[in-house]
Amino acid sequence: ITAEGIESEDVLEMLKKMGDLKGQGYLYGKPECAEEVLERLR
């Protein structure tokens, strides 16, 4: 399962209790262009 739209720590904590999930949302950062992604990965 992947949960979309995670935007707060409270929601993240509730999802952690539900098992092994992947998540995405503004809590982890807004969408980035290719150059910004490379800088993050660096």
PDB file of all heavy atoms in Angstrom:
ATOM      1  N   ILE A   1       0.839  -1.195   0.000  1.00  0.00           N
ATOM      2  CA  ILE A   1       0.000   0.000   0.000  1.00  0.00           C
ATOM      3  C   ILE A   1       0.875   1.247   0.000  1.00  0.00           C
ATOM      4  O   ILE A   1       1.909   1.310   0.680  1.00  0.00           O
ATOM      5  CB  ILE A   1      -0.913   0.033   1.252  1.00  0.00           C
ATOM      6  CG1 ILE A   1      -1.793  -1.211   1.311  1.00  0.00           C
ATOM      7  CG2 ILE A   1      -1.763   1.304   1.260  1.00  0.00           C
ATOM      8  CD1 ILE A   1      -2.859  -1.287   0.266  1.00  0.00           C
ATOM      9  N   THR A   2       0.445   2.260  -0.776  1.00  0.00           N
ATOM     10  CA  THR A   2       1.050   3.588  -0.731  1.00  0.00           C
ATOM     11  C   THR A   2      -0.027   4.590  -0.345  1.00  0.00           C
ATOM     12  O   THR A   2      -1.120   4.579  -0.925  1.00  0.00           O
ATOM     13  CB  THR A   2       1.663   3.993  -2.086  1.00  0.00           C
ATOM     14  OG1 THR A   2       2.731   3.105  -2.413  1.00  0.00           O
ATOM     15  CG2 THR A   2       2.214   5.417  -2.035  1.00  0.00           C
ATOM     16  N   ALA A   3       0.265   5.440   0.640  1.00  0.00           N
ATOM     17  CA  ALA A   3      -0.675   6.481   1.074  1.00  0.00           C
ATOM     18  C   ALA A   3      -0.248   7.815   0.481  1.00  0.00           C
ATOM     19  O   ALA A   3       0.899   8.236   0.650  1.00  0.00           O
ATOM     20  CB  ALA A   3      -0.714   6.561   2.599  1.00  0.00           C
ATOM     21  N   GLU A   4      -1.180   8.470  -0.213  1.00  0.00           N
ATOM     22  CA  GLU A   4      -0.893   9.765  -0.833  1.00  0.00           C
ATOM     23  C   GLU A   4      -1.380  10.907   0.068  1.00  0.00           C
ATOM     24  O   GLU A   4      -2.291  10.729   0.875  1.00  0.00           O
ATOM     25  CB  GLU A   4      -1.594   9.867  -2.189  1.00  0.00           C
ATOM     26  CG  GLU A   4      -1.130   8.857  -3.212  1.00  0.00           C
ATOM     27  CD  GLU A   4      -1.846   9.036  -4.547  1.00  0.00           C
ATOM     28  OE1 GLU A   4      -3.080   8.906  -4.577  1.00  0.00           O
ATOM     29  OE2 GLU A   4      -1.161   9.311  -5.542  1.00  0.00           O
ATOM     30  N   GLY A   5      -0.768  12.072  -0.119  1.00  0.00           N
ATOM     31  CA  GLY A   5      -1.273  13.276   0.550  1.00  0.00           C
ATOM     32  C   GLY A   5      -0.926  13.383   2.020  1.00  0.00           C
ATOM     33  O   GLY A   5      -1.703  13.961   2.798  1.00  0.00           O
ATOM     34  N   ILE A   6       0.209  12.861   2.443  1.00  0.00           N
ATOM     35  CA  ILE A   6       0.632  12.983   3.846  1.00  0.00           C
ATOM     36  C   ILE A   6       1.201  14.389   4.049  1.00  0.00           C
ATOM     37  O   ILE A   6       2.212  14.749   3.431  1.00  0.00           O
ATOM     38  CB  ILE A   6       1.692  11.925   4.199  1.00  0.00           C
ATOM     39  CG1 ILE A   6       1.152  10.528   3.921  1.00  0.00           C
ATOM     40  CG2 ILE A   6       2.127  12.057   5.655  1.00  0.00           C
ATOM     41  CD1 ILE A   6       2.170   9.419   4.107  1.00  0.00           C
ATOM     42  N   GLU A   7       0.558  15.153   4.897  1.00  0.00           N
ATOM     43  CA  GLU A   7       0.962  16.549   5.063  1.00  0.00           C
ATOM     44  C   GLU A   7       1.216  16.941   6.518  1.00  0.00           C
ATOM     45  O   GLU A   7       1.520  18.110   6.791  1.00  0.00           O
ATOM     46  CB  GLU A   7      -0.106  17.475   4.452  1.00  0.00           C
ATOM     47  CG  GLU A   7      -0.295  17.261   2.953  1.00  0.00           C
ATOM     48  CD  GLU A   7      -1.343  18.183   2.352  1.00  0.00           C
ATOM     49  OE1 GLU A   7      -1.917  18.999   3.102  1.00  0.00           O
ATOM     50  OE2 GLU A   7      -1.592  18.090   1.133  1.00  0.00           O
ATOM     51  N   SER A   8       1.062  16.016   7.464  1.00  0.00           N
ATOM     52  CA  SER A   8       1.303  16.360   8.869  1.00  0.00           C
ATOM     53  C   SER A   8       1.909  15.174   9.611  1.00  0.00           C
ATOM     54  O   SER A   8       1.730  14.011   9.213  1.00  0.00           O
ATOM     55  CB  SER A   8      -0.006  16.789   9.547  1.00  0.00           C
ATOM     56  OG  SER A   8      -0.875  15.672   9.704  1.00  0.00           O
ATOM     57  N   GLU A   9       2.593  15.476  10.710  1.00  0.00           N
ATOM     58  CA  GLU A   9       3.207  14.438  11.521  1.00  0.00           C
ATOM     59  C   GLU A   9       2.154  13.551  12.174  1.00  0.00           C
ATOM     60  O   GLU A   9       2.369  12.350  12.338  1.00  0.00           O
ATOM     61  CB  GLU A   9       4.085  15.080  12.597  1.00  0.00           C
ATOM     62  CG  GLU A   9       5.348  15.745  12.073  1.00  0.00           C
ATOM     63  CD  GLU A   9       6.396  14.736  11.621  1.00  0.00           C
ATOM     64  OE1 GLU A   9       6.216  13.526  11.898  1.00  0.00           O
ATOM     65  OE2 GLU A   9       7.373  15.153  10.980  1.00  0.00           O
ATOM     66  N   ASP A  10       1.003  14.121  12.534  1.00  0.00           N
ATOM     67  CA  ASP A  10      -0.050  13.335  13.169  1.00  0.00           C
ATOM     68  C   ASP A  10      -0.549  12.241  12.237  1.00  0.00           C
ATOM     69  O   ASP A  10      -0.748  11.091  12.653  1.00  0.00           O
ATOM     70  CB  ASP A  10      -1.221  14.246  13.575  1.00  0.00           C
ATOM     71  CG  ASP A  10      -0.832  15.220  14.674  1.00  0.00           C
ATOM     72  OD1 ASP A  10       0.150  14.929  15.390  1.00  0.00           O
ATOM     73  OD2 ASP A  10      -1.505  16.268  14.799  1.00  0.00           O
ATOM     74  N   VAL A  11      -0.784  12.607  10.989  1.00  0.00           N
ATOM     75  CA  VAL A  11      -1.232  11.621  10.008  1.00  0.00           C
ATOM     76  C   VAL A  11      -0.162  10.560   9.809  1.00  0.00           C
ATOM     77  O   VAL A  11      -0.454   9.357   9.731  1.00  0.00           O
ATOM     78  CB  VAL A  11      -1.581  12.309   8.676  1.00  0.00           C
ATOM     79  CG1 VAL A  11      -1.810  11.278   7.579  1.00  0.00           C
ATOM     80  CG2 VAL A  11      -2.793  13.204   8.830  1.00  0.00           C
ATOM     81  N   LEU A  12       1.089  10.979   9.749  1.00  0.00           N
ATOM     82  CA  LEU A  12       2.185  10.029   9.565  1.00  0.00           C
ATOM     83  C   LEU A  12       2.231   9.019  10.703  1.00  0.00           C
ATOM     84  O   LEU A  12       2.415   7.811  10.474  1.00  0.00           O
ATOM     85  CB  LEU A  12       3.510  10.788   9.461  1.00  0.00           C
ATOM     86  CG  LEU A  12       4.766   9.926   9.316  1.00  0.00           C
ATOM     87  CD1 LEU A  12       4.695   9.094   8.040  1.00  0.00           C
ATOM     88  CD2 LEU A  12       6.019  10.802   9.313  1.00  0.00           C
ATOM     89  N   GLU A  13       2.061   9.498  11.928  1.00  0.00           N
ATOM     90  CA  GLU A  13       2.105   8.594  13.081  1.00  0.00           C
ATOM     91  C   GLU A  13       0.974   7.580  13.025  1.00  0.00           C
ATOM     92  O   GLU A  13       1.153   6.415  13.385  1.00  0.00           O
ATOM     93  CB  GLU A  13       2.030   9.409  14.379  1.00  0.00           C
ATOM     94  CG  GLU A  13       3.288  10.217  14.669  1.00  0.00           C
ATOM     95  CD  GLU A  13       4.532   9.351  14.744  1.00  0.00           C
ATOM     96  OE1 GLU A  13       4.462   8.251  15.331  1.00  0.00           O
ATOM     97  OE2 GLU A  13       5.579   9.755  14.192  1.00  0.00           O
ATOM     98  N   MET A  14      -0.210   8.017  12.614  1.00  0.00           N
ATOM     99  CA  MET A  14      -1.327   7.085  12.505  1.00  0.00           C
ATOM    100  C   MET A  14      -1.065   6.027  11.435  1.00  0.00           C
ATOM    101  O   MET A  14      -1.394   4.850  11.613  1.00  0.00           O
ATOM    102  CB  MET A  14      -2.616   7.844  12.181  1.00  0.00           C
ATOM    103  CG  MET A  14      -3.087   8.771  13.286  1.00  0.00           C
ATOM    104  SD  MET A  14      -4.690   9.506  12.913  1.00  0.00           S
ATOM    105  CE  MET A  14      -5.755   8.075  13.022  1.00  0.00           C
ATOM    106  N   LEU A  15      -0.457   6.430  10.320  1.00  0.00           N
ATOM    107  CA  LEU A  15      -0.165   5.482   9.245  1.00  0.00           C
ATOM    108  C   LEU A  15       0.908   4.484   9.652  1.00  0.00           C
ATOM    109  O   LEU A  15       0.868   3.314   9.244  1.00  0.00           O
ATOM    110  CB  LEU A  15       0.266   6.237   7.983  1.00  0.00           C
ATOM    111  CG  LEU A  15      -0.830   7.050   7.276  1.00  0.00           C
ATOM    112  CD1 LEU A  15      -0.236   7.928   6.190  1.00  0.00           C
ATOM    113  CD2 LEU A  15      -1.895   6.122   6.677  1.00  0.00           C
ATOM    114  N   LYS A  16       1.867   4.929  10.487  1.00  0.00           N
ATOM    115  CA  LYS A  16       2.917   4.017  10.939  1.00  0.00           C
ATOM    116  C   LYS A  16       2.343   2.846  11.719  1.00  0.00           C
ATOM    117  O   LYS A  16       2.869   1.734  11.672  1.00  0.00           O
ATOM    118  CB  LYS A  16       3.922   4.772  11.808  1.00  0.00           C
ATOM    119  CG  LYS A  16       4.884   5.651  11.038  1.00  0.00           C
ATOM    120  CD  LYS A  16       5.866   6.327  11.988  1.00  0.00           C
ATOM    121  CE  LYS A  16       6.867   7.188  11.220  1.00  0.00           C
ATOM    122  NZ  LYS A  16       7.825   7.876  12.135  1.00  0.00           N
ATOM    123  N   LYS A  17       1.221   3.103  12.403  1.00  0.00           N
ATOM    124  CA  LYS A  17       0.618   2.054  13.222  1.00  0.00           C
ATOM    125  C   LYS A  17      -0.135   1.025  12.384  1.00  0.00           C
ATOM    126  O   LYS A  17      -0.543  -0.022  12.897  1.00  0.00           O
ATOM    127  CB  LYS A  17      -0.347   2.679  14.229  1.00  0.00           C
ATOM    128  CG  LYS A  17       0.320   3.628  15.212  1.00  0.00           C
ATOM    129  CD  LYS A  17      -0.722   4.298  16.097  1.00  0.00           C
ATOM    130  CE  LYS A  17      -0.073   5.327  17.034  1.00  0.00           C
ATOM    131  NZ  LYS A  17      -1.092   6.035  17.853  1.00  0.00           N
ATOM    132  N   MET A  18      -0.345   1.329  11.110  1.00  0.00           N
ATOM    133  CA  MET A  18      -1.148   0.441  10.260  1.00  0.00           C
ATOM    134  C   MET A  18      -0.322  -0.610   9.540  1.00  0.00           C
ATOM    135  O   MET A  18      -0.870  -1.445   8.828  1.00  0.00           O
ATOM    136  CB  MET A  18      -1.930   1.271   9.233  1.00  0.00           C
ATOM    137  CG  MET A  18      -2.934   2.203   9.861  1.00  0.00           C
ATOM    138  SD  MET A  18      -3.837   3.140   8.611  1.00  0.00           S
ATOM    139  CE  MET A  18      -4.818   4.228   9.645  1.00  0.00           C
ATOM    140  N   GLY A  19       1.002  -0.572   9.681  1.00  0.00           N
ATOM    141  CA  GLY A  19       1.828  -1.586   9.039  1.00  0.00           C
ATOM    142  C   GLY A  19       2.866  -0.972   8.118  1.00  0.00           C
ATOM    143  O   GLY A  19       3.131   0.235   8.146  1.00  0.00           O
ATOM    144  N   ASP A  20       3.447  -1.832   7.305  1.00  0.00           N
ATOM    145  CA  ASP A  20       4.498  -1.404   6.380  1.00  0.00           C
ATOM    146  C   ASP A  20       3.861  -0.758   5.153  1.00  0.00           C
ATOM    147  O   ASP A  20       3.292  -1.451   4.299  1.00  0.00           O
ATOM    148  CB  ASP A  20       5.355  -2.591   5.959  1.00  0.00           C
ATOM    149  CG  ASP A  20       6.138  -3.166   7.132  1.00  0.00           C
ATOM    150  OD1 ASP A  20       6.438  -2.390   8.054  1.00  0.00           O
ATOM    151  OD2 ASP A  20       6.422  -4.376   7.114  1.00  0.00           O
ATOM    152  N   LEU A  21       3.963   0.568   5.076  1.00  0.00           N
ATOM    153  CA  LEU A  21       3.392   1.322   3.965  1.00  0.00           C
ATOM    154  C   LEU A  21       4.457   2.221   3.356  1.00  0.00           C
ATOM    155  O   LEU A  21       5.437   2.590   4.005  1.00  0.00           O
ATOM    156  CB  LEU A  21       2.219   2.188   4.432  1.00  0.00           C
ATOM    157  CG  LEU A  21       1.099   1.536   5.253  1.00  0.00           C
ATOM    158  CD1 LEU A  21       0.104   2.605   5.678  1.00  0.00           C
ATOM    159  CD2 LEU A  21       0.415   0.461   4.447  1.00  0.00           C
ATOM    160  N   LYS A  22       4.225   2.586   2.121  1.00  0.00           N
ATOM    161  CA  LYS A  22       4.961   3.695   1.522  1.00  0.00           C
ATOM    162  C   LYS A  22       4.067   4.922   1.565  1.00  0.00           C
ATOM    163  O   LYS A  22       2.844   4.813   1.555  1.00  0.00           O
ATOM    164  CB  LYS A  22       5.337   3.372   0.072  1.00  0.00           C
ATOM    165  CG  LYS A  22       6.590   2.511  -0.062  1.00  0.00           C
ATOM    166  CD  LYS A  22       6.796   2.025  -1.478  1.00  0.00           C
ATOM    167  CE  LYS A  22       7.044   3.134  -2.461  1.00  0.00           C
ATOM    168  NZ  LYS A  22       7.408   2.624  -3.804  1.00  0.00           N
ATOM    169  N   GLY A  23       4.688   6.098   1.612  1.00  0.00           N
ATOM    170  CA  GLY A  23       3.917   7.316   1.669  1.00  0.00           C
ATOM    171  C   GLY A  23       4.530   8.406   0.821  1.00  0.00           C
ATOM    172  O   GLY A  23       5.722   8.380   0.497  1.00  0.00           O
ATOM    173  N   GLN A  24       3.702   9.376   0.461  1.00  0.00           N
ATOM    174  CA  GLN A  24       4.173  10.546  -0.261  1.00  0.00           C
ATOM    175  C   GLN A  24       3.261  11.720   0.070  1.00  0.00           C
ATOM    176  O   GLN A  24       2.105  11.533   0.433  1.00  0.00           O
ATOM    177  CB  GLN A  24       4.202  10.297  -1.774  1.00  0.00           C
ATOM    178  CG  GLN A  24       2.855   9.955  -2.398  1.00  0.00           C
ATOM    179  CD  GLN A  24       2.974   9.533  -3.860  1.00  0.00           C
ATOM    180  OE1 GLN A  24       3.176   8.371  -4.169  1.00  0.00           O
ATOM    181  NE2 GLN A  24       2.826  10.520  -4.754  1.00  0.00           N
ATOM    182  N   GLY A  25       3.796  12.914  -0.031  1.00  0.00           N
ATOM    183  CA  GLY A  25       3.016  14.088   0.310  1.00  0.00           C
ATOM    184  C   GLY A  25       3.935  15.250   0.662  1.00  0.00           C
ATOM    185  O   GLY A  25       5.167  15.110   0.724  1.00  0.00           O
ATOM    186  N   TYR A  26       3.335  16.410   0.902  1.00  0.00           N
ATOM    187  CA  TYR A  26       4.112  17.621   1.150  1.00  0.00           C
ATOM    188  C   TYR A  26       4.913  17.563   2.442  1.00  0.00           C
ATOM    189  O   TYR A  26       5.820  18.376   2.648  1.00  0.00           O
ATOM    190  CB  TYR A  26       3.190  18.836   1.162  1.00  0.00           C
ATOM    191  CG  TYR A  26       2.767  19.280  -0.230  1.00  0.00           C
ATOM    192  CD1 TYR A  26       3.126  18.537  -1.355  1.00  0.00           C
ATOM    193  CD2 TYR A  26       2.022  20.430  -0.423  1.00  0.00           C
ATOM    194  CE1 TYR A  26       2.743  18.929  -2.622  1.00  0.00           C
ATOM    195  CE2 TYR A  26       1.634  20.839  -1.700  1.00  0.00           C
ATOM    196  CZ  TYR A  26       1.998  20.079  -2.790  1.00  0.00           C
ATOM    197  OH  TYR A  26       1.624  20.468  -4.037  1.00  0.00           O
ATOM    198  N   LEU A  27       4.563  16.630   3.345  1.00  0.00           N
ATOM    199  CA  LEU A  27       5.367  16.496   4.558  1.00  0.00           C
ATOM    200  C   LEU A  27       6.810  16.145   4.207  1.00  0.00           C
ATOM    201  O   LEU A  27       7.749  16.561   4.901  1.00  0.00           O
ATOM    202  CB  LEU A  27       4.763  15.410   5.456  1.00  0.00           C
ATOM    203  CG  LEU A  27       5.511  15.114   6.759  1.00  0.00           C
ATOM    204  CD1 LEU A  27       5.514  16.356   7.667  1.00  0.00           C
ATOM    205  CD2 LEU A  27       4.898  13.929   7.486  1.00  0.00           C
ATOM    206  N   TYR A  28       6.990  15.400   3.140  1.00  0.00           N
ATOM    207  CA  TYR A  28       8.329  15.009   2.707  1.00  0.00           C
ATOM    208  C   TYR A  28       8.944  16.017   1.735  1.00  0.00           C
ATOM    209  O   TYR A  28      10.118  15.909   1.384  1.00  0.00           O
ATOM    210  CB  TYR A  28       8.284  13.637   2.028  1.00  0.00           C
ATOM    211  CG  TYR A  28       7.797  12.533   2.937  1.00  0.00           C
ATOM    212  CD1 TYR A  28       6.550  11.953   2.741  1.00  0.00           C
ATOM    213  CD2 TYR A  28       8.575  12.086   3.992  1.00  0.00           C
ATOM    214  CE1 TYR A  28       6.096  10.937   3.570  1.00  0.00           C
ATOM    215  CE2 TYR A  28       8.135  11.069   4.828  1.00  0.00           C
ATOM    216  CZ  TYR A  28       6.882  10.503   4.622  1.00  0.00           C
ATOM    217  OH  TYR A  28       6.436   9.504   5.454  1.00  0.00           O
ATOM    218  N   GLY A  29       8.161  16.973   1.287  1.00  0.00           N
ATOM    219  CA  GLY A  29       8.663  17.968   0.349  1.00  0.00           C
ATOM    220  C   GLY A  29       7.774  18.084  -0.874  1.00  0.00           C
ATOM    221  O   GLY A  29       7.104  17.127  -1.254  1.00  0.00           O
ATOM    222  N   LYS A  30       7.768  19.254  -1.479  1.00  0.00           N
ATOM    223  CA  LYS A  30       6.974  19.473  -2.683  1.00  0.00           C
ATOM    224  C   LYS A  30       7.671  18.849  -3.901  1.00  0.00           C
ATOM    225  O   LYS A  30       8.878  18.573  -3.858  1.00  0.00           O
ATOM    226  CB  LYS A  30       6.753  20.970  -2.909  1.00  0.00           C
ATOM    227  CG  LYS A  30       5.893  21.625  -1.833  1.00  0.00           C
ATOM    228  CD  LYS A  30       5.613  23.079  -2.152  1.00  0.00           C
ATOM    229  CE  LYS A  30       4.691  23.703  -1.109  1.00  0.00           C
ATOM    230  NZ  LYS A  30       4.363  25.110  -1.423  1.00  0.00           N
ATOM    231  N   PRO A  31       6.919  18.619  -4.972  1.00  0.00           N
ATOM    232  CA  PRO A  31       7.542  18.076  -6.193  1.00  0.00           C
ATOM    233  C   PRO A  31       8.697  18.965  -6.666  1.00  0.00           C
ATOM    234  O   PRO A  31       8.622  20.198  -6.595  1.00  0.00           O
ATOM    235  CB  PRO A  31       6.387  18.072  -7.200  1.00  0.00           C
ATOM    236  CG  PRO A  31       5.152  17.978  -6.358  1.00  0.00           C
ATOM    237  CD  PRO A  31       5.452  18.762  -5.126  1.00  0.00           C
ATOM    238  N   GLU A  32       9.750  18.323  -7.157  1.00  0.00           N
ATOM    239  CA  GLU A  32      10.964  19.045  -7.552  1.00  0.00           C
ATOM    240  C   GLU A  32      11.320  18.726  -8.995  1.00  0.00           C
ATOM    241  O   GLU A  32      10.985  17.645  -9.508  1.00  0.00           O
ATOM    242  CB  GLU A  32      12.126  18.639  -6.639  1.00  0.00           C
ATOM    243  CG  GLU A  32      11.889  18.945  -5.172  1.00  0.00           C
ATOM    244  CD  GLU A  32      12.953  18.340  -4.265  1.00  0.00           C
ATOM    245  OE1 GLU A  32      13.492  17.265  -4.616  1.00  0.00           O
ATOM    246  OE2 GLU A  32      13.241  18.949  -3.225  1.00  0.00           O
ATOM    247  N   CYS A  33      12.036  19.659  -9.617  1.00  0.00           N
ATOM    248  CA  CYS A  33      12.513  19.428 -10.979  1.00  0.00           C
ATOM    249  C   CYS A  33      13.716  18.489 -10.950  1.00  0.00           C
ATOM    250  O   CYS A  33      14.237  18.138  -9.880  1.00  0.00           O
ATOM    251  CB  CYS A  33      12.870  20.746 -11.650  1.00  0.00           C
ATOM    252  SG  CYS A  33      14.296  21.575 -10.910  1.00  0.00           S
ATOM    253  N   ALA A  34      14.185  18.085 -12.106  1.00  0.00           N
ATOM    254  CA  ALA A  34      15.259  17.098 -12.201  1.00  0.00           C
ATOM    255  C   ALA A  34      16.528  17.574 -11.499  1.00  0.00           C
ATOM    256  O   ALA A  34      17.200  16.790 -10.802  1.00  0.00           O
ATOM    257  CB  ALA A  34      15.543  16.794 -13.671  1.00  0.00           C
ATOM    258  N   GLU A  35      16.889  18.836 -11.661  1.00  0.00           N
ATOM    259  CA  GLU A  35      18.103  19.358 -11.046  1.00  0.00           C
ATOM    260  C   GLU A  35      18.020  19.360  -9.523  1.00  0.00           C
ATOM    261  O   GLU A  35      18.987  19.029  -8.827  1.00  0.00           O
ATOM    262  CB  GLU A  35      18.385  20.786 -11.552  1.00  0.00           C
ATOM    263  CG  GLU A  35      18.777  20.880 -13.025  1.00  0.00           C
ATOM    264  CD  GLU A  35      17.589  20.697 -13.964  1.00  0.00           C
ATOM    265  OE1 GLU A  35      16.432  20.746 -13.480  1.00  0.00           O
ATOM    266  OE2 GLU A  35      17.824  20.474 -15.168  1.00  0.00           O
ATOM    267  N   GLU A  36      16.838  19.716  -8.989  1.00  0.00           N
ATOM    268  CA  GLU A  36      16.649  19.719  -7.537  1.00  0.00           C
ATOM    269  C   GLU A  36      16.698  18.296  -6.984  1.00  0.00           C
ATOM    270  O   GLU A  36      17.215  18.067  -5.879  1.00  0.00           O
ATOM    271  CB  GLU A  36      15.319  20.380  -7.184  1.00  0.00           C
ATOM    272  CG  GLU A  36      15.293  21.875  -7.482  1.00  0.00           C
ATOM    273  CD  GLU A  36      13.908  22.477  -7.348  1.00  0.00           C
ATOM    274  OE1 GLU A  36      12.914  21.754  -7.611  1.00  0.00           O
ATOM    275  OE2 GLU A  36      13.825  23.668  -7.001  1.00  0.00           O
ATOM    276  N   VAL A  37      16.185  17.339  -7.728  1.00  0.00           N
ATOM    277  CA  VAL A  37      16.243  15.944  -7.302  1.00  0.00           C
ATOM    278  C   VAL A  37      17.689  15.474  -7.246  1.00  0.00           C
ATOM    279  O   VAL A  37      18.107  14.793  -6.290  1.00  0.00           O
ATOM    280  CB  VAL A  37      15.412  15.053  -8.249  1.00  0.00           C
ATOM    281  CG1 VAL A  37      15.703  13.573  -7.993  1.00  0.00           C
ATOM    282  CG2 VAL A  37      13.933  15.324  -8.071  1.00  0.00           C
ATOM    283  N   LEU A  38      18.458  15.810  -8.263  1.00  0.00           N
ATOM    284  CA  LEU A  38      19.867  15.411  -8.260  1.00  0.00           C
ATOM    285  C   LEU A  38      20.611  16.001  -7.060  1.00  0.00           C
ATOM    286  O   LEU A  38      21.446  15.320  -6.437  1.00  0.00           O
ATOM    287  CB  LEU A  38      20.538  15.857  -9.564  1.00  0.00           C
ATOM    288  CG  LEU A  38      20.201  15.053 -10.820  1.00  0.00           C
ATOM    289  CD1 LEU A  38      20.925  15.631 -12.026  1.00  0.00           C
ATOM    290  CD2 LEU A  38      20.571  13.581 -10.642  1.00  0.00           C
ATOM    291  N   GLU A  39      20.319  17.238  -6.723  1.00  0.00           N
ATOM    292  CA  GLU A  39      20.961  17.859  -5.562  1.00  0.00           C
ATOM    293  C   GLU A  39      20.555  17.137  -4.281  1.00  0.00           C
ATOM    294  O   GLU A  39      21.386  16.901  -3.390  1.00  0.00           O
ATOM    295  CB  GLU A  39      20.573  19.337  -5.485  1.00  0.00           C
ATOM    296  CG  GLU A  39      21.228  20.101  -4.347  1.00  0.00           C
ATOM    297  CD  GLU A  39      22.741  20.042  -4.392  1.00  0.00           C
ATOM    298  OE1 GLU A  39      23.326  20.024  -5.503  1.00  0.00           O
ATOM    299  OE2 GLU A  39      23.364  20.005  -3.306  1.00  0.00           O
ATOM    300  N   ARG A  40      19.265  16.768  -4.184  1.00  0.00           N
ATOM    301  CA  ARG A  40      18.808  16.034  -2.998  1.00  0.00           C
ATOM    302  C   ARG A  40      19.512  14.683  -2.898  1.00  0.00           C
ATOM    303  O   ARG A  40      19.977  14.276  -1.819  1.00  0.00           O
ATOM    304  CB  ARG A  40      17.290  15.836  -3.079  1.00  0.00           C
ATOM    305  CG  ARG A  40      16.708  14.985  -1.946  1.00  0.00           C
ATOM    306  CD  ARG A  40      15.207  14.792  -2.101  1.00  0.00           C
ATOM    307  NE  ARG A  40      14.512  16.058  -1.942  1.00  0.00           N
ATOM    308  CZ  ARG A  40      14.179  16.591  -0.766  1.00  0.00           C
ATOM    309  NH1 ARG A  40      14.518  15.972   0.364  1.00  0.00           N
ATOM    310  NH2 ARG A  40      13.531  17.731  -0.712  1.00  0.00           N
ATOM    311  N   LEU A  41      19.594  13.975  -4.012  1.00  0.00           N
ATOM    312  CA  LEU A  41      20.229  12.659  -4.005  1.00  0.00           C
ATOM    313  C   LEU A  41      21.718  12.761  -3.731  1.00  0.00           C
ATOM    314  O   LEU A  41      22.318  11.860  -3.118  1.00  0.00           O
ATOM    315  CB  LEU A  41      19.979  11.964  -5.355  1.00  0.00           C
ATOM    316  CG  LEU A  41      18.513  11.632  -5.678  1.00  0.00           C
ATOM    317  CD1 LEU A  41      18.403  10.949  -7.033  1.00  0.00           C
ATOM    318  CD2 LEU A  41      17.902  10.750  -4.590  1.00  0.00           C
ATOM    319  N   ARG A  42      22.332  13.847  -4.160  1.00  0.00           N
ATOM    320  CA  ARG A  42      23.754  14.038  -3.878  1.00  0.00           C
ATOM    321  C   ARG A  42      23.972  14.164  -2.369  1.00  0.00           C
ATOM    322  O   ARG A  42      24.919  13.595  -1.812  1.00  0.00           O
ATOM    323  CB  ARG A  42      24.265  15.284  -4.606  1.00  0.00           C
ATOM    324  CG  ARG A  42      25.780  15.481  -4.513  1.00  0.00           C
ATOM    325  CD  ARG A  42      26.259  16.637  -5.367  1.00  0.00           C
ATOM    326  NE  ARG A  42      26.163  16.306  -6.797  1.00  0.00           N
ATOM    327  CZ  ARG A  42      25.278  16.829  -7.634  1.00  0.00           C
ATOM    328  NH1 ARG A  42      24.400  17.715  -7.186  1.00  0.00           N
ATOM    329  NH2 ARG A  42      25.250  16.477  -8.900  1.00  0.00           N
TER     330      ARG A  42
END
